[in-house]
Protein backbone atom coordinates (compact mmCIF):
# COMPACT_ATOMS: atom_id res chain seq x y z
CA MET A 1 0.00 -0.01 0.00
CA LYS A 2 1.36 3.39 -1.01
CA LEU A 3 0.72 5.52 2.08
CA ALA A 4 1.17 9.19 2.87
CA GLY A 5 1.11 10.62 6.38
CA VAL A 6 0.37 13.86 8.18
CA VAL A 7 1.25 15.10 11.64
CA VAL A 8 -0.05 18.43 12.92
CA TRP A 9 2.37 20.34 15.14
CA TYR A 10 1.52 23.01 17.69
CA ASN A 11 4.59 24.18 19.62
CA PRO A 12 5.91 20.57 19.68
CA SER A 13 8.20 19.28 22.42
CA GLU A 14 11.25 17.15 21.73
CA LYS A 15 9.23 14.09 22.67
CA ASP A 16 6.50 15.05 20.19
CA ILE A 17 9.09 15.37 17.42
CA LYS A 18 10.66 12.04 18.37
CA ASN A 19 7.27 10.32 17.94
CA ILE A 20 7.70 10.62 14.16
CA ASP A 21 10.38 7.93 14.31
CA SER A 22 7.71 5.33 15.20
CA TYR A 23 5.99 5.53 11.81
CA ILE A 24 8.01 7.43 9.24
CA LYS A 25 9.75 4.28 7.94
CA SER A 26 6.33 2.77 7.13
CA ILE A 27 5.05 5.62 4.96
CA ASP A 28 6.09 7.05 1.65
CA LYS A 29 5.60 10.74 2.35
CA LEU A 30 5.09 12.78 5.54
CA TYR A 31 3.47 16.19 5.58
CA ILE A 32 4.26 18.14 8.75
CA VAL A 33 1.70 20.91 9.02
CA ASP A 34 2.91 23.33 11.67
CA ASN A 35 0.26 25.49 13.38
CA SER A 36 2.77 26.83 15.93
CA GLU A 37 2.43 30.45 16.98
CA ASN A 38 5.93 30.68 18.50
CA GLY A 39 7.88 30.56 15.26
CA SER A 40 8.95 27.96 12.73
CA ASN A 41 10.17 24.53 13.83
CA GLU A 42 11.75 23.68 10.49
CA SER A 43 15.20 23.17 12.04
CA LYS A 44 13.74 20.36 14.16
CA ILE A 45 12.26 18.20 11.40
CA PRO A 46 13.75 14.75 10.77
CA ASN A 47 16.43 14.59 8.13
CA SER A 48 14.43 12.68 5.57
CA LYS A 49 13.57 13.18 1.92
CA LYS A 50 10.11 11.93 2.77
CA VAL A 51 9.20 15.04 4.73
CA GLU A 52 7.39 18.12 3.39
CA TYR A 53 7.22 20.88 6.00
CA ILE A 54 4.30 23.28 5.80
CA TYR A 55 4.50 26.25 8.16
CA GLN A 56 1.30 28.21 8.69
CA ASN A 57 2.71 31.05 10.81
CA GLU A 58 -0.49 30.90 12.86
CA ASN A 59 -2.87 28.36 14.37
CA LEU A 60 -5.41 27.58 11.67
CA GLY A 61 -6.94 24.65 13.59
CA ILE A 62 -6.66 20.91 13.28
CA ALA A 63 -9.29 20.55 10.55
CA LYS A 64 -7.62 23.04 8.20
CA ALA A 65 -4.23 21.42 8.78
CA LEU A 66 -5.54 17.96 8.02
CA ASN A 67 -7.33 19.14 4.89
CA ILE A 68 -4.16 20.81 3.58
CA ALA A 69 -2.24 17.53 3.84
CA CYS A 70 -5.07 15.36 2.50
CA TYR A 71 -5.52 17.45 -0.62
CA LYS A 72 -1.78 17.54 -1.21
CA ALA A 73 -1.71 13.74 -0.92
CA ILE A 74 -4.59 13.45 -3.38
CA LYS A 75 -2.79 15.70 -5.82
CA GLU A 76 0.25 13.41 -5.53
CA LYS A 77 -1.95 10.34 -6.33
CA TYR A 78 -2.16 8.83 -2.87
CA LYS A 79 -5.28 6.84 -2.03
CA PHE A 80 -4.65 6.61 1.72
CA ILE A 81 -3.09 8.82 4.39
CA LEU A 82 -2.07 8.19 7.99
CA THR A 83 -3.27 11.01 10.34
CA MET A 84 -1.20 11.55 13.48
CA ASP A 85 -1.37 13.82 16.50
CA GLN A 86 2.01 15.02 17.67
CA ASP A 87 1.53 13.31 21.07
CA SER A 88 1.05 9.80 19.62
CA CYS A 89 3.37 6.98 18.65
CA PHE A 90 3.23 3.36 17.42
CA LYS A 91 5.26 0.39 18.48
CA SER A 92 7.89 -0.63 15.96
CA ASN A 93 6.43 -1.88 12.62
CA ASP A 94 2.78 -1.56 13.74
CA VAL A 95 1.90 0.65 10.80
CA ASP A 96 3.29 -2.03 8.49
CA LYS A 97 1.15 -4.57 10.36
CA MET A 98 -1.94 -2.40 9.76
CA LYS A 99 -1.14 -2.16 6.07
CA THR A 100 -0.70 -5.95 5.85
CA LYS A 101 -3.95 -6.67 7.65
CA ILE A 102 -6.04 -4.45 5.41
CA SER A 103 -4.29 -5.20 2.12
CA SER A 104 -6.66 -8.04 1.28
CA LEU A 105 -9.85 -6.33 2.51
CA ASP A 106 -12.53 -4.54 0.50
CA LEU A 107 -12.16 -0.93 1.68
CA SER A 108 -14.66 0.62 -0.73
CA LYS A 109 -17.03 1.38 2.19
CA ILE A 110 -14.42 1.89 4.90
CA GLY A 111 -13.64 5.56 5.54
CA ILE A 112 -11.24 5.07 8.45
CA ILE A 113 -9.01 2.23 9.60
CA SER A 114 -8.03 2.84 13.23
CA PRO A 115 -5.83 1.09 15.81
CA TRP A 116 -6.86 0.68 19.43
CA HIS A 117 -5.93 3.87 21.33
CA LYS A 118 -4.00 3.14 24.52
CA THR A 119 -4.65 6.15 26.75
CA LYS A 120 -5.28 7.11 30.38
CA LEU A 121 -8.98 6.41 29.80
CA LYS A 122 -10.22 3.32 31.60
CA LEU A 123 -11.80 1.65 28.60
CA GLU A 124 -12.09 -2.08 28.03
CA LYS A 125 -10.61 -3.23 24.76
CA PRO A 126 -13.05 -5.32 22.68
CA LYS A 127 -12.26 -9.03 22.41
CA GLU A 128 -12.77 -8.99 18.64
CA GLU A 129 -9.70 -8.27 16.59
CA ILE A 130 -11.76 -6.04 14.30
CA ASP A 131 -14.88 -4.02 15.21
CA TYR A 132 -16.77 -1.04 13.84
CA PRO A 133 -17.15 1.73 16.42
CA LEU A 134 -19.26 4.83 15.84
CA ASP A 135 -16.28 7.17 16.25
CA VAL A 136 -12.56 7.17 16.87
CA MET A 137 -9.98 9.83 17.63
CA THR A 138 -8.10 11.19 14.62
CA SER A 139 -4.60 10.06 15.55
CA GLY A 140 -3.21 6.81 14.15
CA ASN A 141 -5.92 6.45 11.51
CA ILE A 142 -5.53 5.50 7.90
CA LEU A 143 -8.03 7.59 5.87
CA ASN A 144 -9.51 6.47 2.60
CA LEU A 145 -8.95 9.59 0.48
CA ASP A 146 -11.56 8.71 -2.16
CA ILE A 147 -14.19 8.74 0.58
CA PHE A 148 -12.62 11.83 2.17
CA GLN A 149 -13.38 13.71 -1.04
CA LYS A 150 -16.92 12.34 -1.29
CA ILE A 151 -17.92 13.59 2.17
CA GLY A 152 -16.15 16.96 1.86
CA GLY A 153 -13.21 16.50 4.19
CA PHE A 154 -12.93 17.91 7.71
CA LYS A 155 -15.14 20.81 8.82
CA GLU A 156 -12.72 23.71 9.12
CA PHE A 157 -15.16 26.05 10.87
CA LEU A 158 -15.13 23.73 13.92
CA PHE A 159 -11.42 24.54 14.29
CA ILE A 160 -10.41 22.01 16.98
CA ASP A 161 -12.66 19.94 19.22
CA GLY A 162 -15.23 17.61 17.74
CA VAL A 163 -13.54 17.58 14.29
CA ASP A 164 -12.90 13.83 14.56
CA ILE A 165 -16.39 13.04 15.90
CA GLU A 166 -18.04 15.04 13.14
CA TYR A 167 -16.00 13.31 10.45
CA CYS A 168 -16.95 9.83 11.77
CA LEU A 169 -20.64 10.69 11.95
CA ASN A 170 -20.49 12.19 8.49
CA LEU A 171 -19.09 8.89 7.26
CA LYS A 172 -21.99 7.01 8.83
CA LYS A 173 -24.50 9.51 7.43
CA ASN A 174 -23.16 8.79 3.92
CA GLY A 175 -23.15 5.01 4.28
CA TYR A 176 -19.50 4.43 5.22
CA LYS A 177 -17.88 2.76 8.22
CA VAL A 178 -15.09 3.19 10.73
CA MET A 179 -13.06 -0.01 11.13
CA ARG A 180 -10.81 -0.59 14.17
CA ILE A 181 -8.04 -3.19 14.46
CA ASN A 182 -7.82 -3.86 18.17
CA SER A 183 -4.70 -6.00 17.98
CA ILE A 184 -2.67 -2.93 17.04
CA GLU A 185 -2.19 -0.23 19.68
CA LEU A 186 -1.40 3.44 19.43
CA GLN A 187 0.15 5.11 22.48
CA HIS A 188 -1.84 8.35 22.77
CA ASP A 189 -1.16 10.89 25.53
CA LEU A 190 -4.39 12.67 26.28
CA GLY A 191 -3.27 15.43 28.59
CA ASP A 192 -4.02 15.84 32.29
CA ILE A 193 -6.77 13.27 32.79
CA PHE A 194 -7.45 12.07 36.35
CA TYR A 195 -10.10 10.08 38.18
CA ARG A 196 -12.00 10.89 41.38
CA ASN A 197 -14.61 9.17 43.53
CA PHE A 198 -17.84 10.76 44.71
CA LEU A 199 -20.38 8.84 46.84
CA GLY A 200 -18.75 5.58 45.80
CA LYS A 201 -18.87 6.34 42.11
CA GLU A 202 -15.70 6.86 40.08
CA PHE A 203 -15.70 9.48 37.35
CA MET A 204 -13.14 11.05 35.03
CA CYS A 205 -11.99 14.67 34.92
CA ASP A 206 -10.74 15.71 31.49
CA ASN A 207 -9.16 18.82 32.98
CA HIS A 208 -9.15 20.57 29.60
CA ASN A 209 -8.13 24.25 29.52
CA TYR A 210 -10.77 26.95 29.12
CA LEU A 211 -10.30 27.23 25.35
CA ARG A 212 -10.93 23.55 24.83
CA ILE A 213 -14.04 23.82 27.02
CA TYR A 214 -15.27 26.60 24.74
CA TYR A 215 -14.78 24.61 21.55
CA MET A 216 -16.31 21.46 23.03
CA THR A 217 -19.38 23.30 24.26
CA ARG A 218 -19.92 25.07 20.94
CA ASN A 219 -19.00 22.29 18.50
CA TYR A 220 -20.75 19.43 20.25
CA ARG A 221 -24.01 21.30 19.94
CA TYR A 222 -23.45 21.68 16.25
CA ILE A 223 -22.78 17.92 16.01
CA ARG A 224 -25.99 17.13 17.86
CA LYS A 225 -27.98 19.40 15.54
CA GLU A 226 -26.52 17.76 12.41
CA TYR A 227 -26.41 14.09 13.42
CA ARG A 228 -28.91 13.43 16.21
CA ASN A 229 -31.11 11.57 13.76
CA ILE A 230 -28.46 8.91 13.16
CA ALA A 231 -26.97 8.69 16.69
CA PRO A 232 -29.44 10.24 19.14
CA GLU A 233 -28.13 8.82 22.43
CA PHE A 234 -24.52 9.51 21.54
CA CYS A 235 -25.24 13.11 20.51
CA ASP A 236 -27.35 13.82 23.60
CA ILE A 237 -24.52 12.64 25.86
CA LEU A 238 -22.06 14.95 24.09
CA VAL A 239 -23.92 18.11 25.13
CA LYS A 240 -24.69 17.29 28.77
CA ILE A 241 -23.04 19.93 30.95
CA LYS A 242 -24.23 19.23 34.52
CA GLY A 243 -21.49 16.68 35.09
CA LEU A 244 -18.90 18.94 33.44
CA ILE A 245 -19.85 21.89 35.65
CA PHE A 246 -19.70 19.66 38.77
CA LYS A 247 -16.20 18.47 37.93
CA ILE A 248 -14.96 21.98 37.17
CA VAL A 249 -16.39 23.44 40.35
CA PHE A 250 -15.20 20.75 42.75
CA TYR A 251 -12.06 19.23 41.22
CA GLU A 252 -10.44 21.37 38.53
CA LYS A 253 -8.41 24.59 38.43
CA ASP A 254 -9.17 27.81 36.55
CA LYS A 255 -12.86 27.42 37.42
CA PHE A 256 -14.05 30.91 36.50
CA ARG A 257 -12.63 30.97 32.97
CA LYS A 258 -13.88 27.44 32.28
CA LEU A 259 -17.39 28.27 33.40
CA ARG A 260 -17.37 31.44 31.32
CA SER A 261 -16.25 29.38 28.34
CA ILE A 262 -19.32 27.18 28.66
CA VAL A 263 -21.52 30.29 28.52
CA PHE A 264 -19.64 31.72 25.52
CA GLY A 265 -19.69 28.37 23.73
CA ILE A 266 -23.44 28.09 24.03
CA TYR A 267 -23.89 31.74 23.01
CA ASP A 268 -21.73 31.40 19.89
CA TYR A 269 -23.46 28.16 18.86
CA LYS A 270 -26.84 29.87 19.10
CA HIS A 271 -25.56 32.86 17.08
CA ASN A 272 -23.79 30.69 14.50
CA ASN A 273 -20.37 32.06 15.42
CA TYR A 274 -17.73 29.49 14.40
CA GLY A 275 -14.04 29.41 13.53
CA LYS A 276 -11.22 30.39 15.85
CA TYR A 277 -12.26 31.71 19.28
CA GLN A 278 -11.81 35.49 19.25
CA GLY A 279 -11.79 36.00 23.01
CA ARG A 280 -13.97 38.09 25.26
């Protein structure tokens, strides 16, 4: 399988840059789309003829960055592209294993091939080697670029949060599937997640910063509006805020800005204000 790849950078650490080593040997071309706002990181890119570095000179959002790379790959005749977050890495040769496993499959209706994401989340891995979840996180996925074009790519006006969820639901809406290979794991660092107990019940605190809270609040409501007819329970859960407010008030820092972000997110959704958050 001829395979391109894209990783989106945002002020990457040395560890983030090192993560490229876990998959670059298994792909034919790597687009590094750099959304950093602290200057170019071109001097840090791996010394490889496979790499094309694309510096934006501003943060244009994850959706825009992914679309740039996908359309470049299409122009260069690639049918598939590996999408990576900077904080993710594979075990040695796992991308090759993914390619081998899917090489004999009919992928005409498969929009995404995903590994199992090994994170801080306490999720039980399915016993089946292959299953078909409703949604997966963007990182570590092999995208079918023919289908990418048919559904219109990633929604750039969402900017960051919910971009992956929207893409997966858009696949389902158009009759395509997400396929996950659970025997292959992606190591994915998901930030400052922690667990707490309240009245004997354990729950997770995402501990996202206030900007992420804003995008989640706004974008998840858009997703519910667009896709509730095909995944009603899932979409209704996305927009519940009582639990989020409880966790912010009792367990997380920066409470005031996070609570304000919920208000602004709902306001901007209702007034159709999308794109990059402009601040208040």
